[in-house]
Amino acid sequence: MSEIKIQLNLTPLNEWGLGNSDQLIISGPCSAETEEQVLATAHELVKLNPQVKVFRAGIWKPRTRPNNFEGVGLDALRWLKLVKKETGLKVAVEVANGHHVYECLKYGIDLLWIGARTTVNPFSVQEIADALKGVDIPVLVKNPLNPELQLWLGALERVNNAGISKLGAIHRGFSTFKKTPYRNSPEWYMAIELKRQLPELPIICDPSHITGKRSLIGEVSQKALNLAMNGLMIEAHINPQEAWSDAAQQLSPEGLHQVLSKLKFRTPEGEDILKEDLLELLREDIDDLDHELLDVIARRAEIAEKIGQYKKAHNMTILQVTRWDDLLSERLGKALALGLDETTMKEIFKQIHIQSIKIQEKVLSKANGDKVKSNQ
């Protein structure tokens, strides 16, 4: 992971005018659906969760497929204005382009955030930064979809260059093909590395998008606080089971109260906690990779069985020496390019190949046994 030396002009979080605290709790529905839903959620959050200082709601929703609910758009800005008036909460909205910024500023939105799908595109981030020039408003930048620290840093730098000093990051996890309990893999080391390079930058965790499941939000929230993150953005809906988007990851206001009441907010004095937790996280990564490796070996065994069935059907020999020699040569070349030990890798692939041969022999033996039985 290459390090980019950048310096940001930052205003401390407790001077943002969002509760004057070193910890920021943001909550609200994934999507603003109706005026009634938005106001009911906001009022219930205020009643049950005084820690919540900012009410969030998505009004423009970047969706993978065009026929999914993509937000109600400008109408919701009026609803959020009512939230401010009736509850006293500050309000926050995700923006994906310059037009979104202009509309939010027109309606007095207090905080903007840039989503993961937007962070990956420097052109979009620069358009937002240009729209923010001359404006004094807090902005949070979510990590990009994939674990690319330079993209995250670059987006933060673009916004800061536009004059935004009330600037922070949101850690919402990363897309992955790994089998994990989460919707998005936390890859905690990325947030730790960002904090190491920019120690004055506030980092807020979004456990809703990391987990994708309301049942896991508490444990991930505590992990984030243990890692010295500066707050949480947690999705809450007055009736989460009926939510129009991401229903499984939203809490009710009462559910949020239960989560927040159990959390321990920590204020580490130095970097020792980060060093200790980094070792733990690296060990967790090893565990994840070992489990992933076992899954890969199991899938390879399934394919070997299918190959055995194909060879049986076409009267082919199990061992094909030329194919094996070519395969081993290619795999070892890749291993050497990755800096891996040739002897070790040769032995690993030898054992994998032996397993494959045994699987195919079993397929052929079973076929011959069935043939003998059918002739009896």
Protein backbone atom coordinates (compact mmCIF):
# COMPACT_ATOMS: atom_id res chain seq x y z
CA MET A 1 0.00 0.00 0.00
CA SER A 2 1.82 3.13 -1.22
CA GLU A 3 1.74 6.20 1.00
CA ILE A 4 0.72 9.59 -0.35
CA LYS A 5 2.08 12.53 1.60
CA ILE A 6 -0.73 15.06 1.77
CA GLN A 7 -1.62 17.78 4.22
CA LEU A 8 -5.19 18.84 4.78
CA ASN A 9 -6.47 22.03 6.36
CA LEU A 10 -8.95 20.62 8.88
CA THR A 11 -11.31 22.04 11.49
CA PRO A 12 -11.69 19.83 14.60
CA LEU A 13 -14.95 17.90 14.78
CA ASN A 14 -16.03 19.62 18.00
CA GLU A 15 -16.02 22.94 16.11
CA TRP A 16 -18.36 21.84 13.31
CA GLY A 17 -21.48 23.08 15.10
CA LEU A 18 -23.01 19.58 15.20
CA GLY A 19 -23.18 19.09 18.94
CA ASN A 20 -19.70 20.36 19.85
CA SER A 21 -18.47 16.86 20.69
CA ASP A 22 -15.57 14.65 19.67
CA GLN A 23 -18.12 11.94 18.82
CA LEU A 24 -20.80 12.36 16.15
CA ILE A 25 -23.89 10.15 15.93
CA ILE A 26 -25.86 10.38 12.68
CA SER A 27 -29.07 8.43 12.11
CA GLY A 28 -32.12 8.28 9.90
CA PRO A 29 -33.64 6.17 7.14
CA CYS A 30 -31.77 4.81 4.17
CA SER A 31 -34.28 6.64 1.98
CA ALA A 32 -36.75 9.44 2.50
CA GLU A 33 -39.98 7.80 1.32
CA THR A 34 -42.85 10.03 2.45
CA GLU A 35 -43.20 13.16 4.54
CA GLU A 36 -44.97 11.16 7.25
CA GLN A 37 -42.22 8.50 7.38
CA VAL A 38 -39.44 11.10 7.58
CA LEU A 39 -41.07 13.19 10.32
CA ALA A 40 -42.22 10.21 12.38
CA THR A 41 -38.71 8.71 12.31
CA ALA A 42 -37.09 12.02 13.26
CA HIS A 43 -39.44 12.69 16.18
CA GLU A 44 -39.00 9.16 17.53
CA LEU A 45 -35.22 9.39 17.23
CA VAL A 46 -35.18 12.64 19.20
CA LYS A 47 -37.40 11.17 21.91
CA LEU A 48 -35.36 7.96 22.39
CA ASN A 49 -31.84 8.89 21.32
CA PRO A 50 -30.53 12.25 22.55
CA GLN A 51 -27.05 11.22 21.34
CA VAL A 52 -28.24 11.63 17.73
CA LYS A 53 -27.34 15.13 16.55
CA VAL A 54 -27.79 14.75 12.79
CA PHE A 55 -30.70 13.24 10.86
CA ARG A 56 -29.71 11.53 7.60
CA ALA A 57 -31.89 10.50 4.68
CA GLY A 58 -31.08 9.48 1.12
CA ILE A 59 -33.09 11.38 -1.47
CA TRP A 60 -31.08 10.51 -4.59
CA LYS A 61 -30.27 6.80 -4.55
CA PRO A 62 -27.61 5.44 -6.96
CA ARG A 63 -28.93 1.95 -7.70
CA THR A 64 -27.38 -0.86 -9.71
CA ARG A 65 -30.57 -1.48 -11.73
CA PRO A 66 -32.71 1.35 -13.16
CA ASN A 67 -36.05 -0.10 -12.11
CA ASN A 68 -35.26 -0.06 -8.38
CA PHE A 69 -36.39 2.78 -6.10
CA GLU A 70 -34.00 5.66 -6.80
CA GLY A 71 -35.27 8.17 -4.24
CA VAL A 72 -37.97 10.83 -4.32
CA GLY A 73 -35.60 13.66 -5.17
CA LEU A 74 -36.24 17.34 -4.49
CA ASP A 75 -39.54 16.88 -2.61
CA ALA A 76 -37.62 15.29 0.27
CA LEU A 77 -35.55 18.45 0.80
CA ARG A 78 -38.71 20.20 1.95
CA TRP A 79 -39.38 17.33 4.38
CA LEU A 80 -35.89 17.64 5.82
CA LYS A 81 -36.42 21.36 6.29
CA LEU A 82 -39.47 20.44 8.41
CA VAL A 83 -37.33 17.99 10.42
CA LYS A 84 -34.99 20.84 11.33
CA LYS A 85 -37.88 23.12 12.27
CA GLU A 86 -39.82 20.56 14.34
CA THR A 87 -37.01 18.63 16.07
CA GLY A 88 -33.95 20.88 16.10
CA LEU A 89 -31.85 18.15 14.51
CA LYS A 90 -29.29 19.02 11.87
CA VAL A 91 -29.93 17.25 8.55
CA ALA A 92 -27.61 15.42 6.14
CA VAL A 93 -27.94 14.24 2.54
CA GLU A 94 -25.78 12.28 0.08
CA VAL A 95 -24.76 14.19 -3.05
CA ALA A 96 -23.45 12.70 -6.28
CA ASN A 97 -23.02 15.76 -8.51
CA GLY A 98 -22.88 19.55 -8.52
CA HIS A 99 -26.64 19.94 -9.04
CA HIS A 100 -27.31 17.99 -5.85
CA VAL A 101 -24.98 20.33 -3.95
CA TYR A 102 -26.74 23.46 -5.21
CA GLU A 103 -30.20 22.13 -4.29
CA CYS A 104 -29.09 21.06 -0.80
CA LEU A 105 -27.54 24.44 -0.09
CA LYS A 106 -30.74 26.14 -1.25
CA TYR A 107 -32.75 24.19 1.34
CA GLY A 108 -30.30 24.71 4.20
CA ILE A 109 -28.95 21.14 4.51
CA ASP A 110 -26.35 21.10 7.30
CA LEU A 111 -24.04 18.27 6.24
CA LEU A 112 -23.28 16.56 2.94
CA TRP A 113 -21.69 13.20 2.27
CA ILE A 114 -20.21 11.71 -0.88
CA GLY A 115 -21.18 8.07 -1.43
CA ALA A 116 -18.93 5.12 -2.20
CA ARG A 117 -20.08 4.88 -5.81
CA THR A 118 -19.17 8.54 -6.34
CA THR A 119 -15.80 8.44 -4.56
CA VAL A 120 -14.51 6.01 -7.21
CA ASN A 121 -14.91 8.68 -9.91
CA PRO A 122 -12.50 11.64 -9.60
CA PHE A 123 -14.49 13.59 -12.22
CA SER A 124 -17.64 13.39 -10.09
CA VAL A 125 -15.77 14.28 -6.92
CA GLN A 126 -14.18 17.28 -8.63
CA GLU A 127 -17.58 18.46 -9.85
CA ILE A 128 -18.88 18.33 -6.29
CA ALA A 129 -15.75 20.11 -5.02
CA ASP A 130 -16.21 22.89 -7.58
CA ALA A 131 -19.82 23.35 -6.45
CA LEU A 132 -18.63 23.65 -2.83
CA LYS A 133 -16.15 26.48 -3.41
CA GLY A 134 -16.87 29.41 -1.14
CA VAL A 135 -19.21 27.34 1.08
CA ASP A 136 -18.71 26.59 4.78
CA ILE A 137 -20.42 23.23 5.32
CA PRO A 138 -19.26 19.90 6.79
CA VAL A 139 -18.60 17.18 4.21
CA LEU A 140 -17.96 13.48 4.76
CA VAL A 141 -16.41 11.24 2.12
CA LYS A 142 -17.24 7.53 2.10
CA ASN A 143 -14.56 5.03 1.16
CA PRO A 144 -14.64 3.83 -2.47
CA LEU A 145 -16.30 0.50 -3.25
CA ASN A 146 -12.96 -1.29 -3.51
CA PRO A 147 -10.11 -0.97 -0.96
CA GLU A 148 -8.09 1.68 -2.80
CA LEU A 149 -6.62 4.12 -0.30
CA GLN A 150 -5.38 6.51 -2.98
CA LEU A 151 -8.90 7.06 -4.32
CA TRP A 152 -10.15 7.78 -0.81
CA LEU A 153 -7.29 10.17 -0.10
CA GLY A 154 -7.68 11.82 -3.50
CA ALA A 155 -11.37 12.52 -2.95
CA LEU A 156 -10.66 14.04 0.46
CA GLU A 157 -7.91 16.17 -1.02
CA ARG A 158 -10.14 17.46 -3.84
CA VAL A 159 -12.85 18.54 -1.40
CA ASN A 160 -10.31 20.13 0.95
CA ASN A 161 -8.74 22.02 -1.96
CA ALA A 162 -12.16 23.57 -2.57
CA GLY A 163 -11.94 25.22 0.85
CA ILE A 164 -13.90 22.69 2.91
CA SER A 165 -12.09 22.35 6.25
CA LYS A 166 -14.96 20.69 8.14
CA LEU A 167 -14.04 17.47 6.44
CA GLY A 168 -14.23 13.84 7.52
CA ALA A 169 -14.37 10.29 6.18
CA ILE A 170 -16.96 7.53 6.43
CA HIS A 171 -15.81 3.93 6.67
CA ARG A 172 -18.62 1.82 5.18
CA GLY A 173 -16.75 -1.32 4.15
CA PHE A 174 -15.69 -2.66 0.77
CA SER A 175 -17.17 -4.91 -1.89
CA THR A 176 -15.70 -8.41 -1.75
CA PHE A 177 -16.04 -11.89 -3.19
CA LYS A 178 -14.99 -13.38 0.14
CA LYS A 179 -17.54 -15.26 2.20
CA THR A 180 -18.03 -13.10 5.28
CA PRO A 181 -20.94 -12.45 7.65
CA TYR A 182 -21.12 -8.92 6.27
CA ARG A 183 -22.59 -7.17 3.26
CA ASN A 184 -19.33 -5.28 2.80
CA SER A 185 -16.00 -6.45 4.20
CA PRO A 186 -14.79 -4.03 6.92
CA GLU A 187 -11.11 -4.23 5.95
CA TRP A 188 -10.41 -2.33 9.17
CA TYR A 189 -6.76 -1.90 8.27
CA MET A 190 -7.83 0.59 5.58
CA ALA A 191 -9.42 2.90 8.13
CA ILE A 192 -6.43 2.48 10.42
CA GLU A 193 -4.03 3.37 7.61
CA LEU A 194 -6.12 6.44 6.71
CA LYS A 195 -6.01 7.51 10.37
CA ARG A 196 -2.27 6.93 10.48
CA GLN A 197 -1.64 9.11 7.45
CA LEU A 198 -4.17 11.78 8.47
CA PRO A 199 -4.40 11.62 12.30
CA GLU A 200 -6.46 14.84 12.53
CA LEU A 201 -9.12 13.60 10.10
CA PRO A 202 -12.41 12.56 11.78
CA ILE A 203 -13.53 9.08 10.67
CA ILE A 204 -17.14 8.02 11.12
CA CYS A 205 -18.13 4.34 10.81
CA ASP A 206 -21.24 3.23 8.91
CA PRO A 207 -22.03 -0.19 10.43
CA SER A 208 -25.33 -0.40 8.55
CA HIS A 209 -23.62 -0.74 5.19
CA ILE A 210 -20.80 -2.87 6.55
CA THR A 211 -23.12 -5.46 8.07
CA GLY A 212 -26.23 -5.38 5.90
CA LYS A 213 -27.98 -6.93 8.93
CA ARG A 214 -29.42 -5.08 11.89
CA SER A 215 -28.41 -7.91 14.23
CA LEU A 216 -24.69 -7.22 13.66
CA ILE A 217 -24.75 -3.43 13.96
CA GLY A 218 -23.95 -3.36 17.68
CA GLU A 219 -20.79 -5.44 17.53
CA VAL A 220 -19.41 -3.60 14.50
CA SER A 221 -20.20 -0.23 16.10
CA GLN A 222 -18.24 -1.20 19.21
CA LYS A 223 -15.33 -2.39 17.08
CA ALA A 224 -15.26 0.98 15.33
CA LEU A 225 -15.25 2.86 18.63
CA ASN A 226 -12.49 0.61 19.95
CA LEU A 227 -10.45 1.66 16.91
CA ALA A 228 -10.79 5.31 17.93
CA MET A 229 -13.29 6.27 15.26
CA ASN A 230 -15.10 9.53 15.81
CA GLY A 231 -18.70 8.44 15.57
CA LEU A 232 -21.30 6.38 13.81
CA MET A 233 -23.79 6.70 10.98
CA ILE A 234 -26.56 4.16 11.62
CA GLU A 235 -29.69 3.79 9.54
CA ALA A 236 -33.01 3.94 11.43
CA HIS A 237 -36.57 3.79 10.11
CA ILE A 238 -39.90 4.15 11.88
CA ASN A 239 -40.93 0.79 10.39
CA PRO A 240 -37.78 -0.90 9.05
CA GLN A 241 -39.52 -4.07 7.85
CA GLU A 242 -41.52 -1.94 5.38
CA ALA A 243 -38.60 0.19 4.17
CA TRP A 244 -38.41 0.78 0.42
CA SER A 245 -34.65 0.18 0.36
CA ASP A 246 -32.15 -1.79 2.49
CA ALA A 247 -34.82 -2.95 4.95
CA ALA A 248 -32.61 -5.65 6.49
CA GLN A 249 -29.95 -3.24 7.73
CA GLN A 250 -32.17 -0.58 9.30
CA LEU A 251 -33.03 -0.36 12.99
CA SER A 252 -36.16 1.04 14.55
CA PRO A 253 -35.59 4.10 16.78
CA GLU A 254 -36.08 1.79 19.77
CA GLY A 255 -33.59 -0.69 18.30
CA LEU A 256 -31.08 2.13 17.88
CA HIS A 257 -31.61 3.11 21.52
CA GLN A 258 -30.78 -0.45 22.59
CA VAL A 259 -27.60 -0.47 20.49
CA LEU A 260 -26.35 2.94 21.65
CA SER A 261 -27.08 2.25 25.31
CA LYS A 262 -24.71 -0.75 25.27
CA LEU A 263 -21.79 0.93 23.52
CA LYS A 264 -18.64 2.04 25.33
CA PHE A 265 -17.25 5.24 23.89
CA ARG A 266 -13.48 5.28 24.27
CA THR A 267 -10.96 8.12 24.13
CA PRO A 268 -7.47 6.60 23.63
CA GLU A 269 -4.54 8.76 24.68
CA GLY A 270 -2.16 7.56 21.99
CA GLU A 271 -1.62 5.16 19.13
CA ASP A 272 -0.98 2.05 21.26
CA ILE A 273 -4.58 0.87 20.92
CA LEU A 274 -4.28 1.13 17.13
CA LYS A 275 -1.09 -0.92 17.12
CA GLU A 276 -2.62 -3.64 19.28
CA ASP A 277 -5.83 -3.74 17.28
CA LEU A 278 -3.88 -3.78 14.02
CA LEU A 279 -2.17 -7.03 15.09
CA GLU A 280 -5.58 -8.49 15.98
CA LEU A 281 -7.03 -7.38 12.65
CA LEU A 282 -4.12 -8.87 10.72
CA ARG A 283 -4.70 -12.17 12.50
CA GLU A 284 -8.39 -11.96 11.61
CA ASP A 285 -7.36 -11.43 7.98
CA ILE A 286 -5.24 -14.59 8.15
CA ASP A 287 -8.24 -16.51 9.53
CA ASP A 288 -10.47 -15.16 6.74
CA LEU A 289 -7.91 -16.08 4.08
CA ASP A 290 -7.53 -19.60 5.48
CA HIS A 291 -11.30 -20.11 5.34
CA GLU A 292 -11.35 -18.66 1.83
CA LEU A 293 -8.53 -21.04 0.82
CA LEU A 294 -10.52 -24.02 2.10
CA ASP A 295 -13.54 -22.86 0.10
CA VAL A 296 -11.39 -22.60 -3.03
CA ILE A 297 -9.93 -26.10 -2.51
CA ALA A 298 -13.45 -27.49 -2.03
CA ARG A 299 -14.67 -25.81 -5.24
CA ARG A 300 -11.61 -27.17 -7.08
CA ALA A 301 -12.46 -30.67 -5.85
CA GLU A 302 -16.00 -30.31 -7.24
CA ILE A 303 -14.59 -29.35 -10.64
CA ALA A 304 -12.12 -32.26 -10.52
CA GLU A 305 -15.07 -34.60 -10.03
CA LYS A 306 -16.81 -33.13 -13.07
CA ILE A 307 -13.61 -33.59 -15.09
CA GLY A 308 -13.52 -37.23 -13.97
CA GLN A 309 -17.08 -37.71 -15.16
CA TYR A 310 -16.22 -36.13 -18.52
CA LYS A 311 -13.13 -38.36 -18.95
CA LYS A 312 -15.18 -41.45 -18.07
CA ALA A 313 -17.87 -40.53 -20.61
CA HIS A 314 -15.26 -40.00 -23.35
CA ASN A 315 -13.04 -42.97 -22.43
CA MET A 316 -10.05 -40.77 -21.56
CA THR A 317 -7.14 -41.62 -19.25
CA ILE A 318 -7.11 -39.90 -15.89
CA LEU A 319 -3.45 -38.85 -15.93
CA GLN A 320 -2.37 -36.63 -18.81
CA VAL A 321 1.31 -35.95 -18.23
CA THR A 322 1.78 -33.14 -20.76
CA ARG A 323 -1.16 -31.19 -19.34
CA TRP A 324 0.19 -31.57 -15.80
CA ASP A 325 3.72 -30.45 -16.79
CA ASP A 326 2.36 -27.37 -18.56
CA LEU A 327 0.07 -26.53 -15.65
CA LEU A 328 2.83 -26.88 -13.05
CA SER A 329 5.22 -24.74 -15.07
CA GLU A 330 2.64 -21.99 -15.47
CA ARG A 331 1.61 -22.04 -11.78
CA LEU A 332 5.22 -21.94 -10.56
CA GLY A 333 5.97 -19.04 -12.89
CA LYS A 334 3.07 -17.11 -11.37
CA ALA A 335 4.23 -18.05 -7.85
CA LEU A 336 7.75 -16.78 -8.52
CA ALA A 337 6.36 -13.53 -9.92
CA LEU A 338 4.45 -13.07 -6.66
CA GLY A 339 7.62 -13.61 -4.64
CA LEU A 340 6.60 -17.03 -3.28
CA ASP A 341 8.99 -19.87 -2.54
CA GLU A 342 9.24 -22.24 -5.52
CA THR A 343 9.87 -25.43 -3.52
CA THR A 344 6.92 -24.80 -1.20
CA MET A 345 4.56 -23.96 -4.05
CA LYS A 346 5.66 -27.01 -6.03
CA GLU A 347 4.84 -29.28 -3.08
CA ILE A 348 1.45 -27.60 -2.55
CA PHE A 349 0.44 -28.04 -6.19
CA LYS A 350 1.74 -31.60 -6.17
CA GLN A 351 -0.57 -32.47 -3.27
CA ILE A 352 -3.49 -30.65 -4.91
CA HIS A 353 -2.88 -32.61 -8.11
CA ILE A 354 -2.74 -35.90 -6.19
CA GLN A 355 -6.08 -35.07 -4.60
CA SER A 356 -7.53 -34.34 -8.04
CA ILE A 357 -6.29 -37.70 -9.38
CA LYS A 358 -7.81 -39.53 -6.39
CA ILE A 359 -11.16 -37.83 -6.95
CA GLN A 360 -11.17 -38.80 -10.64
CA GLU A 361 -10.13 -42.39 -9.79
CA LYS A 362 -13.06 -42.58 -7.39
CA VAL A 363 -15.42 -41.43 -10.15
CA LEU A 364 -14.05 -44.10 -12.51
CA SER A 365 -14.10 -46.83 -9.81
CA LYS A 366 -17.71 -46.02 -9.01
CA ALA A 367 -18.59 -46.17 -12.69
CA ASN A 368 -16.88 -49.57 -13.09
CA GLY A 369 -18.62 -50.87 -9.96
CA ASP A 370 -21.99 -49.78 -11.30
CA LYS A 371 -21.17 -51.49 -14.61
CA VAL A 372 -20.31 -54.77 -12.83
CA LYS A 373 -23.54 -54.63 -10.83
CA SER A 374 -25.57 -54.02 -13.97
CA ASN A 375 -24.02 -57.10 -15.64
CA GLN A 376 -24.83 -59.40 -12.73
